[in-house]
C-alpha atoms as a PDB file:
ATOM      1  CA  MET A   1     -75.654  15.529  69.575  1.00  0.00           C
ATOM      2  CA  ARG A   2     -74.206  16.294  73.262  1.00  0.00           C
ATOM      3  CA  SER A   3     -73.398  13.320  75.541  1.00  0.00           C
ATOM      4  CA  PRO A   4     -75.441  12.868  78.703  1.00  0.00           C
ATOM      5  CA  PRO A   5     -74.261  13.593  82.204  1.00  0.00           C
ATOM      6  CA  THR A   6     -71.589  10.889  83.281  1.00  0.00           C
ATOM      7  CA  ALA A   7     -73.587  10.250  86.192  1.00  0.00           C
ATOM      8  CA  ILE A   8     -77.522  10.460  86.141  1.00  0.00           C
ATOM      9  CA  ASP A   9     -79.497  11.066  89.499  1.00  0.00           C
ATOM     10  CA  GLY A  10     -82.888  10.203  87.629  1.00  0.00           C
ATOM     11  CA  VAL A  11     -84.902  10.648  84.236  1.00  0.00           C
ATOM     12  CA  LEU A  12     -88.109  12.801  84.086  1.00  0.00           C
ATOM     13  CA  PHE A  13     -90.687  12.378  81.133  1.00  0.00           C
ATOM     14  CA  ASP A  14     -93.641  14.364  79.376  1.00  0.00           C
ATOM     15  CA  LEU A  15     -96.543  11.940  79.493  1.00  0.00           C
ATOM     16  CA  ASP A  16     -98.916  12.200  76.159  1.00  0.00           C
ATOM     17  CA  GLY A  17     -97.067  11.361  73.077  1.00  0.00           C
ATOM     18  CA  THR A  18     -93.531  10.280  75.224  1.00  0.00           C
ATOM     19  CA  LEU A  19     -94.727   7.610  77.203  1.00  0.00           C
ATOM     20  CA  LEU A  20     -98.423   6.906  76.511  1.00  0.00           C
ATOM     21  CA  ASP A  21    -100.229   6.979  73.232  1.00  0.00           C
ATOM     22  CA  SER A  22    -103.462   8.458  74.437  1.00  0.00           C
ATOM     23  CA  ALA A  23    -104.488  10.114  71.018  1.00  0.00           C
ATOM     24  CA  PRO A  24    -106.989   7.370  70.323  1.00  0.00           C
ATOM     25  CA  ASP A  25    -108.928   8.304  73.767  1.00  0.00           C
ATOM     26  CA  LEU A  26    -109.032  11.791  73.100  1.00  0.00           C
ATOM     27  CA  HIS A  27    -109.838  11.170  69.481  1.00  0.00           C
ATOM     28  CA  ALA A  28    -113.030   9.157  70.741  1.00  0.00           C
ATOM     29  CA  ALA A  29    -114.006  11.676  73.253  1.00  0.00           C
ATOM     30  CA  LEU A  30    -113.668  14.546  70.421  1.00  0.00           C
ATOM     31  CA  VAL A  31    -115.919  12.394  68.046  1.00  0.00           C
ATOM     32  CA  ALA A  32    -118.507  11.813  70.820  1.00  0.00           C
ATOM     33  CA  TYR A  33    -118.666  15.740  71.622  1.00  0.00           C
ATOM     34  CA  ALA A  34    -118.670  16.425  67.935  1.00  0.00           C
ATOM     35  CA  ASP A  35    -121.708  14.112  67.325  1.00  0.00           C
ATOM     36  CA  GLU A  36    -123.467  15.963  70.499  1.00  0.00           C
ATOM     37  CA  ALA A  37    -122.804  19.298  68.757  1.00  0.00           C
ATOM     38  CA  GLY A  38    -123.975  18.278  65.285  1.00  0.00           C
ATOM     39  CA  VAL A  39    -120.346  19.078  63.692  1.00  0.00           C
ATOM     40  CA  ALA A  40    -118.565  16.653  61.442  1.00  0.00           C
ATOM     41  CA  ALA A  41    -115.786  14.649  63.473  1.00  0.00           C
ATOM     42  CA  PRO A  42    -112.153  15.008  62.285  1.00  0.00           C
ATOM     43  CA  PRO A  43    -110.440  11.582  61.711  1.00  0.00           C
ATOM     44  CA  LEU A  44    -107.857  10.295  64.050  1.00  0.00           C
ATOM     45  CA  GLU A  45    -104.909  11.073  61.436  1.00  0.00           C
ATOM     46  CA  ARG A  46    -105.729  15.048  62.016  1.00  0.00           C
ATOM     47  CA  VAL A  47    -106.026  14.816  65.843  1.00  0.00           C
ATOM     48  CA  ARG A  48    -102.945  12.809  66.501  1.00  0.00           C
ATOM     49  CA  PRO A  49    -100.210  15.345  65.796  1.00  0.00           C
ATOM     50  CA  VAL A  50    -101.746  17.948  68.177  1.00  0.00           C
ATOM     51  CA  VAL A  51    -102.405  15.912  71.221  1.00  0.00           C
ATOM     52  CA  SER A  52     -99.021  17.250  72.920  1.00  0.00           C
ATOM     53  CA  SER A  53    -100.356  20.666  72.619  1.00  0.00           C
ATOM     54  CA  GLY A  54    -103.639  19.924  74.834  1.00  0.00           C
ATOM     55  CA  ALA A  55    -106.915  19.751  74.981  1.00  0.00           C
ATOM     56  CA  MET A  56    -107.804  23.000  73.320  1.00  0.00           C
ATOM     57  CA  ALA A  57    -105.697  22.134  70.638  1.00  0.00           C
ATOM     58  CA  VAL A  58    -107.738  18.909  70.043  1.00  0.00           C
ATOM     59  CA  LEU A  59    -111.021  20.921  70.343  1.00  0.00           C
ATOM     60  CA  ARG A  60    -109.893  23.076  67.451  1.00  0.00           C
ATOM     61  CA  CYS A  61    -109.436  20.059  65.019  1.00  0.00           C
ATOM     62  CA  ALA A  62    -113.474  19.967  65.285  1.00  0.00           C
ATOM     63  CA  PHE A  63    -114.449  23.426  66.223  1.00  0.00           C
ATOM     64  CA  ASP A  64    -113.278  26.614  64.250  1.00  0.00           C
ATOM     65  CA  GLU A  65    -114.226  29.044  66.999  1.00  0.00           C
ATOM     66  CA  ASP A  66    -112.129  31.559  68.934  1.00  0.00           C
ATOM     67  CA  GLU A  67    -110.464  30.892  72.292  1.00  0.00           C
ATOM     68  CA  ALA A  68    -113.345  32.008  74.568  1.00  0.00           C
ATOM     69  CA  ALA A  69    -115.674  29.559  72.657  1.00  0.00           C
ATOM     70  CA  LEU A  70    -113.246  26.969  72.968  1.00  0.00           C
ATOM     71  CA  ALA A  71    -112.724  27.448  76.523  1.00  0.00           C
ATOM     72  CA  ARG A  72    -116.238  27.024  77.133  1.00  0.00           C
ATOM     73  CA  ARG A  73    -116.409  23.625  75.605  1.00  0.00           C
ATOM     74  CA  LEU A  74    -113.641  22.447  77.536  1.00  0.00           C
ATOM     75  CA  PRO A  75    -115.285  21.088  80.418  1.00  0.00           C
ATOM     76  CA  ARG A  76    -117.703  19.023  78.517  1.00  0.00           C
ATOM     77  CA  PHE A  77    -114.745  17.557  76.170  1.00  0.00           C
ATOM     78  CA  LEU A  78    -112.876  16.948  79.374  1.00  0.00           C
ATOM     79  CA  GLU A  79    -115.744  14.915  80.953  1.00  0.00           C
ATOM     80  CA  LEU A  80    -116.372  12.917  78.097  1.00  0.00           C
ATOM     81  CA  TYR A  81    -112.332  12.200  77.955  1.00  0.00           C
ATOM     82  CA  GLY A  82    -112.342  11.258  81.549  1.00  0.00           C
ATOM     83  CA  GLN A  83    -115.177   8.628  80.951  1.00  0.00           C
ATOM     84  CA  ARG A  84    -112.577   6.602  78.686  1.00  0.00           C
ATOM     85  CA  ILE A  85    -109.438   7.850  79.583  1.00  0.00           C
ATOM     86  CA  ALA A  86    -107.578   4.582  79.775  1.00  0.00           C
ATOM     87  CA  HIS A  87    -109.964   2.257  77.247  1.00  0.00           C
ATOM     88  CA  ASP A  88    -107.522   2.411  74.434  1.00  0.00           C
ATOM     89  CA  THR A  89    -104.385   4.286  75.851  1.00  0.00           C
ATOM     90  CA  ARG A  90    -101.359   2.353  75.753  1.00  0.00           C
ATOM     91  CA  PRO A  91     -97.443   2.765  76.302  1.00  0.00           C
ATOM     92  CA  PHE A  92     -95.445   3.402  73.229  1.00  0.00           C
ATOM     93  CA  ALA A  93     -93.775   0.255  72.196  1.00  0.00           C
ATOM     94  CA  GLY A  94     -90.374  -0.102  74.120  1.00  0.00           C
ATOM     95  CA  VAL A  95     -91.485   2.154  76.965  1.00  0.00           C
ATOM     96  CA  PRO A  96     -92.590  -0.505  79.462  1.00  0.00           C
ATOM     97  CA  GLU A  97     -89.142  -2.294  79.288  1.00  0.00           C
ATOM     98  CA  LEU A  98     -87.321   1.223  79.330  1.00  0.00           C
ATOM     99  CA  LEU A  99     -88.939   2.033  82.867  1.00  0.00           C
ATOM    100  CA  GLN A 100     -88.049  -1.355  83.889  1.00  0.00           C
ATOM    101  CA  GLN A 101     -84.516  -0.784  83.113  1.00  0.00           C
ATOM    102  CA  LEU A 102     -84.352   2.650  85.102  1.00  0.00           C
ATOM    103  CA  GLU A 103     -86.116   0.806  87.922  1.00  0.00           C
ATOM    104  CA  THR A 104     -83.462  -2.027  87.864  1.00  0.00           C
ATOM    105  CA  ARG A 105     -80.764   0.391  87.937  1.00  0.00           C
ATOM    106  CA  ALA A 106     -82.533   2.314  91.046  1.00  0.00           C
ATOM    107  CA  LEU A 107     -82.667   5.262  88.782  1.00  0.00           C
ATOM    108  CA  PRO A 108     -85.778   7.373  89.750  1.00  0.00           C
ATOM    109  CA  TRP A 109     -88.175   8.310  87.052  1.00  0.00           C
ATOM    110  CA  GLY A 110     -91.223  10.930  87.068  1.00  0.00           C
ATOM    111  CA  ILE A 111     -93.499  12.757  85.116  1.00  0.00           C
ATOM    112  CA  VAL A 112     -93.902  16.472  84.055  1.00  0.00           C
ATOM    113  CA  THR A 113     -97.340  17.077  81.982  1.00  0.00           C
ATOM    114  CA  ASN A 114     -99.383  19.779  81.094  1.00  0.00           C
ATOM    115  CA  LYS A 115    -102.433  17.501  81.661  1.00  0.00           C
ATOM    116  CA  ALA A 116    -104.844  18.367  84.700  1.00  0.00           C
ATOM    117  CA  GLY A 117    -104.052  16.714  87.692  1.00  0.00           C
ATOM    118  CA  ALA A 118    -107.166  14.713  88.013  1.00  0.00           C
ATOM    119  CA  LEU A 119    -107.071  13.526  84.645  1.00  0.00           C
ATOM    120  CA  THR A 120    -103.563  12.347  85.065  1.00  0.00           C
ATOM    121  CA  CYS A 121    -104.122  10.582  88.198  1.00  0.00           C
ATOM    122  CA  ALA A 122    -107.069   8.879  87.058  1.00  0.00           C
ATOM    123  CA  LEU A 123    -104.981   7.816  83.939  1.00  0.00           C
ATOM    124  CA  LEU A 124    -101.864   6.535  86.215  1.00  0.00           C
ATOM    125  CA  GLU A 125    -104.046   4.745  88.446  1.00  0.00           C
ATOM    126  CA  ARG A 126    -105.769   2.949  85.602  1.00  0.00           C
ATOM    127  CA  ILE A 127    -102.397   1.810  84.101  1.00  0.00           C
ATOM    128  CA  GLY A 128    -100.499   0.954  87.382  1.00  0.00           C
ATOM    129  CA  TRP A 129     -97.923   3.557  87.214  1.00  0.00           C
ATOM    130  CA  ARG A 130     -98.737   5.965  90.052  1.00  0.00           C
ATOM    131  CA  PRO A 131     -97.028   3.837  92.826  1.00  0.00           C
ATOM    132  CA  ARG A 132     -93.769   3.838  90.751  1.00  0.00           C
ATOM    133  CA  LEU A 133     -93.341   7.422  90.385  1.00  0.00           C
ATOM    134  CA  ALA A 134     -90.844   9.294  92.292  1.00  0.00           C
ATOM    135  CA  ALA A 135     -92.222  12.657  91.023  1.00  0.00           C
ATOM    136  CA  LEU A 136     -95.369  13.947  89.473  1.00  0.00           C
ATOM    137  CA  VAL A 137     -96.106  17.450  88.170  1.00  0.00           C
ATOM    138  CA  CYS A 138     -99.177  18.105  86.546  1.00  0.00           C
ATOM    139  CA  GLY A 139    -100.830  21.074  84.455  1.00  0.00           C
ATOM    140  CA  ASP A 140    -102.433  22.492  87.474  1.00  0.00           C
ATOM    141  CA  THR A 141     -99.991  21.783  90.225  1.00  0.00           C
ATOM    142  CA  LEU A 142     -98.346  25.242  89.789  1.00  0.00           C
ATOM    143  CA  PRO A 143     -99.621  28.490  88.458  1.00  0.00           C
ATOM    144  CA  VAL A 144     -97.276  27.902  85.577  1.00  0.00           C
ATOM    145  CA  LYS A 145     -97.016  25.013  83.084  1.00  0.00           C
ATOM    146  CA  LYS A 146     -94.186  24.147  80.438  1.00  0.00           C
ATOM    147  CA  PRO A 147     -92.092  25.543  78.678  1.00  0.00           C
ATOM    148  CA  ASP A 148     -91.806  27.538  81.988  1.00  0.00           C
ATOM    149  CA  PRO A 149     -89.076  25.378  84.189  1.00  0.00           C
ATOM    150  CA  ALA A 150     -90.593  25.745  87.018  1.00  0.00           C
ATOM    151  CA  PRO A 151     -92.632  22.432  86.943  1.00  0.00           C
ATOM    152  CA  VAL A 152     -89.480  20.595  85.924  1.00  0.00           C
ATOM    153  CA  ARG A 153     -87.497  21.898  88.803  1.00  0.00           C
ATOM    154  CA  LEU A 154     -90.463  20.808  91.174  1.00  0.00           C
ATOM    155  CA  ALA A 155     -90.206  17.484  89.873  1.00  0.00           C
ATOM    156  CA  CYS A 156     -86.350  17.279  90.331  1.00  0.00           C
ATOM    157  CA  SER A 157     -86.860  18.370  93.909  1.00  0.00           C
ATOM    158  CA  GLN A 158     -89.765  15.391  94.682  1.00  0.00           C
ATOM    159  CA  ALA A 159     -87.328  13.083  92.931  1.00  0.00           C
ATOM    160  CA  GLY A 160     -83.980  13.977  94.787  1.00  0.00           C
ATOM    161  CA  ILE A 161     -82.319  14.997  91.113  1.00  0.00           C
ATOM    162  CA  GLU A 162     -79.769  17.424  90.911  1.00  0.00           C
ATOM    163  CA  PRO A 163     -80.717  19.267  87.625  1.00  0.00           C
ATOM    164  CA  SER A 164     -77.220  18.926  86.209  1.00  0.00           C
ATOM    165  CA  ARG A 165     -77.638  15.042  86.612  1.00  0.00           C
ATOM    166  CA  GLY A 166     -81.091  14.783  85.397  1.00  0.00           C
ATOM    167  CA  VAL A 167     -82.442  13.980  81.900  1.00  0.00           C
ATOM    168  CA  PHE A 168     -85.689  15.294  80.600  1.00  0.00           C
ATOM    169  CA  VAL A 169     -87.656  13.608  77.577  1.00  0.00           C
ATOM    170  CA  GLY A 170     -90.425  14.641  75.735  1.00  0.00           C
ATOM    171  CA  ASP A 171     -92.195  15.001  72.221  1.00  0.00           C
ATOM    172  CA  ASP A 172     -92.841  18.660  72.101  1.00  0.00           C
ATOM    173  CA  ARG A 173     -90.595  22.023  71.690  1.00  0.00           C
ATOM    174  CA  ARG A 174     -92.028  23.001  75.119  1.00  0.00           C
ATOM    175  CA  ASP A 175     -90.516  20.041  76.561  1.00  0.00           C
ATOM    176  CA  VAL A 176     -87.017  20.602  75.295  1.00  0.00           C
ATOM    177  CA  LEU A 177     -87.518  24.535  76.211  1.00  0.00           C
ATOM    178  CA  ALA A 178     -88.460  23.582  79.866  1.00  0.00           C
ATOM    179  CA  GLY A 179     -85.931  21.040  80.294  1.00  0.00           C
ATOM    180  CA  LYS A 180     -83.015  22.990  79.201  1.00  0.00           C
ATOM    181  CA  ALA A 181     -84.206  26.213  81.259  1.00  0.00           C
ATOM    182  CA  ALA A 182     -84.046  24.156  84.276  1.00  0.00           C
ATOM    183  CA  GLY A 183     -80.658  22.879  83.588  1.00  0.00           C
ATOM    184  CA  LEU A 184     -81.302  19.303  82.800  1.00  0.00           C
ATOM    185  CA  TYR A 185     -79.789  17.270  79.619  1.00  0.00           C
ATOM    186  CA  THR A 186     -82.832  17.097  77.183  1.00  0.00           C
ATOM    187  CA  VAL A 187     -84.031  14.572  74.887  1.00  0.00           C
ATOM    188  CA  ALA A 188     -86.600  14.897  72.298  1.00  0.00           C
ATOM    189  CA  VAL A 189     -88.210  11.746  70.788  1.00  0.00           C
ATOM    190  CA  GLY A 190     -89.314  10.743  67.367  1.00  0.00           C
ATOM    191  CA  TRP A 191     -92.024   8.550  68.088  1.00  0.00           C
ATOM    192  CA  GLY A 192     -94.195  11.178  69.486  1.00  0.00           C
ATOM    193  CA  TYR A 193     -96.862  13.581  68.220  1.00  0.00           C
ATOM    194  CA  LEU A 194     -94.537  15.984  67.460  1.00  0.00           C
ATOM    195  CA  ASN A 195     -97.289  18.721  66.434  1.00  0.00           C
ATOM    196  CA  GLY A 196     -96.201  18.761  62.957  1.00  0.00           C
ATOM    197  CA  GLY A 197     -92.852  19.956  64.064  1.00  0.00           C
ATOM    198  CA  ASP A 198     -89.224  18.958  63.339  1.00  0.00           C
ATOM    199  CA  PRO A 199     -87.535  17.907  66.651  1.00  0.00           C
ATOM    200  CA  MET A 200     -84.061  18.308  65.229  1.00  0.00           C
ATOM    201  CA  ALA A 201     -85.170  22.251  65.314  1.00  0.00           C
ATOM    202  CA  TRP A 202     -85.833  22.504  69.178  1.00  0.00           C
ATOM    203  CA  GLY A 203     -82.398  22.529  70.541  1.00  0.00           C
ATOM    204  CA  ALA A 204     -82.622  19.298  72.376  1.00  0.00           C
ATOM    205  CA  ASP A 205     -79.278  17.805  73.311  1.00  0.00           C
ATOM    206  CA  CYS A 206     -80.089  14.656  71.853  1.00  0.00           C
ATOM    207  CA  LEU A 207     -82.951  13.094  69.441  1.00  0.00           C
ATOM    208  CA  VAL A 208     -83.980   9.172  69.685  1.00  0.00           C
ATOM    209  CA  GLU A 209     -86.170   7.357  67.734  1.00  0.00           C
ATOM    210  CA  ARG A 210     -86.983   4.520  69.931  1.00  0.00           C
ATOM    211  CA  PRO A 211     -87.164   3.830  73.764  1.00  0.00           C
ATOM    212  CA  GLN A 212     -84.217   1.293  72.956  1.00  0.00           C
ATOM    213  CA  ASP A 213     -82.174   4.083  71.581  1.00  0.00           C
ATOM    214  CA  LEU A 214     -82.741   6.270  74.653  1.00  0.00           C
ATOM    215  CA  ALA A 215     -81.816   3.060  76.887  1.00  0.00           C
ATOM    216  CA  ALA A 216     -78.641   2.933  75.258  1.00  0.00           C
ATOM    217  CA  LEU A 217     -77.860   6.488  75.370  1.00  0.00           C
ATOM    218  CA  LEU A 218     -78.145   6.219  79.249  1.00  0.00           C
ATOM    219  CA  GLY A 219     -76.087   3.236  79.422  1.00  0.00           C
ATOM    220  CA  LEU A 220     -79.219   1.115  80.710  1.00  0.00           C
ATOM    221  CA  HIS A 221     -78.213  -1.997  79.223  1.00  0.00           C
ATOM    222  CA  ARG A 222     -75.213  -2.059  81.013  1.00  0.00           C
ATOM    223  CA  ALA A 223     -74.950  -4.482  84.073  1.00  0.00           C
ATOM    224  CA  ALA A 224     -76.139  -2.565  87.046  1.00  0.00           C
END
């Protein structure tokens, strides 16, 4: 483990699987679509690990088809997901307290996600986080997504974070790759979806198992 920067400008997070457990609503949308299509719906336990890999990966859990066929199914799946986007989605335990600690210490925080902007904004508005963000970069904000570092660099610019004094937190290899390439200190989280991978193998600067561990790593428990 490498120690974080002595002085931190701010923290950027992935969204699904890092801050929010959105798997139940994505699974419900997949079940509804599978029912429409007349195919068997997979259990939540099969869908949950791939959520951080995006909507196509979720669709693949129910439809054994090539990429072109899945892409044709994508708009209807996203429509069904949008109808229930914040029904059962909740922050992971400890995340609200972590975000409050960042704000208490006047450290800006933001989100870099591969989720489409319309869906991301709708979700953040429903849970009340949108006004609190210092940065928001979505999957269609730029022509490229994570693991390309450009979205992370843009979020740093939005939030006024010098990359060498920034932290990027995520539950997928692409988060670590994007954060490292952008010059940030990278943290892999053990509570996320992980896509069946081993976060210890991603090359992150640190692995934490709970939001409380991240708060301790960043010194947020110390008096402001």
